[in-house]
Amino acid sequence: MGFIINQPMQHISLFGVLQHFKLEMEEGMADQPVHFGGPIDTARGYVLHSAEYKSDGTMPINTALSITSSIDVLRDSALGKGPAQKLLALGHAGWGAGQLEQELQANSWITVPATEELLFGDHPMDKWLLSNKSLGVDPYRISDVAGHA
């Protein structure tokens, strides 16, 4: 299971999701985008978040990150008791047996360490730039035109 982290949805926000579920919200709560997490199970929400938050439905990923797909994380976030860092996604990406390995071998993916700035940063285009720059690549210096020698 994987998540697209740089594609915020245009017409859905955390505030809208909380209103949809009729959850009580703390006054002045900051709104956040909801991301398109991938093409599988797009009606289901997932919250990728910092590991200090835990509820019954929380699954740790590592010492810094967890994921929760229960409504508890939304309810707690609405009341200011949720995770310090979070990314709400609808849907996820998935692969069949051996498919991801083949895609990695074909260089279809950029793999970089998951940093807080990369996962939870506010600007989607920055995530793409950060991932390239963490590999020492400036994507603006790559030409899309082939030459002949």
Protein backbone atom coordinates (compact mmCIF):
# COMPACT_ATOMS: atom_id res chain seq x y z
CA MET A 1 0.00 0.00 0.00
CA GLY A 2 1.26 3.45 -0.87
CA PHE A 3 -0.03 7.02 -1.02
CA ILE A 4 0.34 9.87 -3.46
CA ILE A 5 1.41 12.83 -1.30
CA ASN A 6 1.55 15.68 -3.81
CA GLN A 7 -1.93 15.78 -5.35
CA PRO A 8 -4.37 17.79 -3.24
CA MET A 9 -7.98 17.44 -4.35
CA GLN A 10 -9.52 20.63 -5.70
CA HIS A 11 -12.94 20.61 -4.07
CA ILE A 12 -12.44 18.65 -0.84
CA SER A 13 -10.81 19.90 2.36
CA LEU A 14 -10.44 18.62 5.91
CA PHE A 15 -13.01 21.18 7.04
CA GLY A 16 -15.48 19.82 4.46
CA VAL A 17 -14.86 16.23 5.56
CA LEU A 18 -15.43 17.17 9.21
CA GLN A 19 -18.66 18.94 8.26
CA HIS A 20 -19.78 15.91 6.23
CA PHE A 21 -19.40 13.69 9.30
CA LYS A 22 -21.04 16.39 11.48
CA LEU A 23 -18.06 16.45 13.83
CA GLU A 24 -17.82 19.18 16.43
CA MET A 25 -14.87 21.46 15.64
CA GLU A 26 -12.67 23.67 17.74
CA GLU A 27 -13.08 27.33 16.84
CA GLY A 28 -10.38 28.69 14.52
CA MET A 29 -9.31 25.22 13.40
CA ALA A 30 -6.91 25.47 10.45
CA ASP A 31 -8.17 23.89 7.26
CA GLN A 32 -5.99 21.47 5.32
CA PRO A 33 -6.24 19.91 1.88
CA VAL A 34 -7.37 16.35 1.29
CA HIS A 35 -5.06 14.49 -1.08
CA PHE A 36 -5.80 11.99 -3.81
CA GLY A 37 -4.00 9.04 -2.24
CA GLY A 38 -4.37 6.70 -5.19
CA PRO A 39 -6.90 4.98 -7.42
CA ILE A 40 -7.83 2.12 -5.08
CA ASP A 41 -10.70 2.39 -2.58
CA THR A 42 -11.15 6.13 -3.19
CA ALA A 43 -14.14 6.37 -0.83
CA ARG A 44 -11.94 5.41 2.13
CA GLY A 45 -9.85 7.95 4.01
CA TYR A 46 -6.41 7.43 5.49
CA VAL A 47 -4.46 9.79 7.72
CA LEU A 48 -0.69 9.52 7.51
CA HIS A 49 0.59 11.24 10.66
CA SER A 50 3.29 11.80 13.22
CA ALA A 51 3.68 8.89 15.64
CA GLU A 52 2.85 10.72 18.89
CA TYR A 53 -0.86 10.28 18.12
CA LYS A 54 -2.42 6.88 18.84
CA SER A 55 -5.97 5.56 18.78
CA ASP A 56 -7.50 2.10 18.50
CA GLY A 57 -7.15 2.12 14.71
CA THR A 58 -3.56 3.42 14.54
CA MET A 59 -0.90 1.31 12.81
CA PRO A 60 2.72 2.33 13.39
CA ILE A 61 4.86 2.51 10.25
CA ASN A 62 8.13 3.31 12.03
CA THR A 63 9.18 5.32 15.09
CA ALA A 64 8.21 8.64 13.47
CA LEU A 65 5.13 7.78 11.38
CA SER A 66 1.80 6.05 11.79
CA ILE A 67 -1.38 5.67 9.80
CA THR A 68 -4.95 5.73 11.05
CA SER A 69 -8.05 5.03 8.99
CA SER A 70 -10.70 5.26 11.72
CA ILE A 71 -12.89 8.30 12.26
CA ASP A 72 -11.22 8.76 15.68
CA VAL A 73 -8.33 10.67 14.13
CA LEU A 74 -10.74 13.06 12.38
CA ARG A 75 -12.76 13.59 15.56
CA ASP A 76 -9.61 14.22 17.61
CA SER A 77 -8.18 16.55 14.94
CA ALA A 78 -11.40 18.56 14.91
CA LEU A 79 -11.04 19.10 18.67
CA GLY A 80 -7.34 19.98 18.51
CA LYS A 81 -6.28 16.63 20.02
CA GLY A 82 -5.12 14.96 16.82
CA PRO A 83 -1.62 14.39 15.49
CA ALA A 84 0.77 17.34 15.27
CA GLN A 85 1.54 16.52 11.62
CA LYS A 86 -0.97 14.87 9.29
CA LEU A 87 -1.85 14.24 5.67
CA LEU A 88 -5.40 13.13 4.88
CA ALA A 89 -5.75 11.05 1.72
CA LEU A 90 -8.70 9.47 -0.04
CA GLY A 91 -7.76 6.19 -1.68
CA HIS A 92 -4.38 4.50 -1.95
CA ALA A 93 -2.06 2.91 -4.47
CA GLY A 94 -1.46 -0.81 -4.61
CA TRP A 95 0.48 -3.38 -6.60
CA GLY A 96 0.17 -7.02 -7.55
CA ALA A 97 2.80 -9.62 -6.67
CA GLY A 98 6.17 -8.50 -8.07
CA GLN A 99 4.70 -5.42 -9.78
CA LEU A 100 6.32 -2.83 -7.51
CA GLU A 101 9.70 -4.55 -7.78
CA GLN A 102 9.43 -4.45 -11.59
CA GLU A 103 8.47 -0.76 -11.53
CA LEU A 104 11.41 0.05 -9.24
CA GLN A 105 13.78 -1.89 -11.49
CA ALA A 106 12.46 0.06 -14.50
CA ASN A 107 13.14 3.36 -12.64
CA SER A 108 9.44 4.28 -12.68
CA TRP A 109 9.69 5.64 -9.14
CA ILE A 110 11.94 8.03 -7.27
CA THR A 111 12.71 6.55 -3.85
CA VAL A 112 13.92 8.92 -1.14
CA PRO A 113 13.84 8.99 2.67
CA ALA A 114 10.48 10.16 4.07
CA THR A 115 11.15 13.44 5.86
CA GLU A 116 8.57 15.56 7.70
CA GLU A 117 9.00 18.36 5.17
CA LEU A 118 8.47 15.99 2.26
CA LEU A 119 5.42 14.26 3.72
CA PHE A 120 3.68 17.12 5.50
CA GLY A 121 4.85 20.22 3.60
CA ASP A 122 2.18 22.64 2.42
CA HIS A 123 3.09 22.99 -1.25
CA PRO A 124 2.72 19.97 -3.57
CA MET A 125 5.30 21.19 -6.11
CA ASP A 126 7.83 21.57 -3.29
CA LYS A 127 7.50 17.85 -2.54
CA TRP A 128 8.53 16.95 -6.07
CA LEU A 129 11.46 19.37 -5.94
CA LEU A 130 12.55 18.20 -2.47
CA SER A 131 12.54 14.56 -3.53
CA ASN A 132 14.69 15.29 -6.58
CA LYS A 133 17.08 17.57 -4.69
CA SER A 134 17.54 14.96 -1.93
CA LEU A 135 19.11 12.82 -4.69
CA GLY A 136 21.29 15.71 -5.86
CA VAL A 137 19.16 16.33 -8.97
CA ASP A 138 17.96 19.74 -10.08
CA PRO A 139 15.06 18.82 -12.36
CA TYR A 140 15.09 22.29 -13.93
CA ARG A 141 18.51 21.56 -15.38
CA ILE A 142 17.34 18.46 -17.24
CA SER A 143 16.53 19.02 -20.89
CA ASP A 144 13.59 17.33 -22.56
CA VAL A 145 15.32 17.66 -25.91
CA ALA A 146 17.71 14.98 -27.13
CA GLY A 147 20.88 15.96 -28.97
CA HIS A 148 23.07 14.23 -31.50
CA ALA A 149 26.82 14.00 -31.37
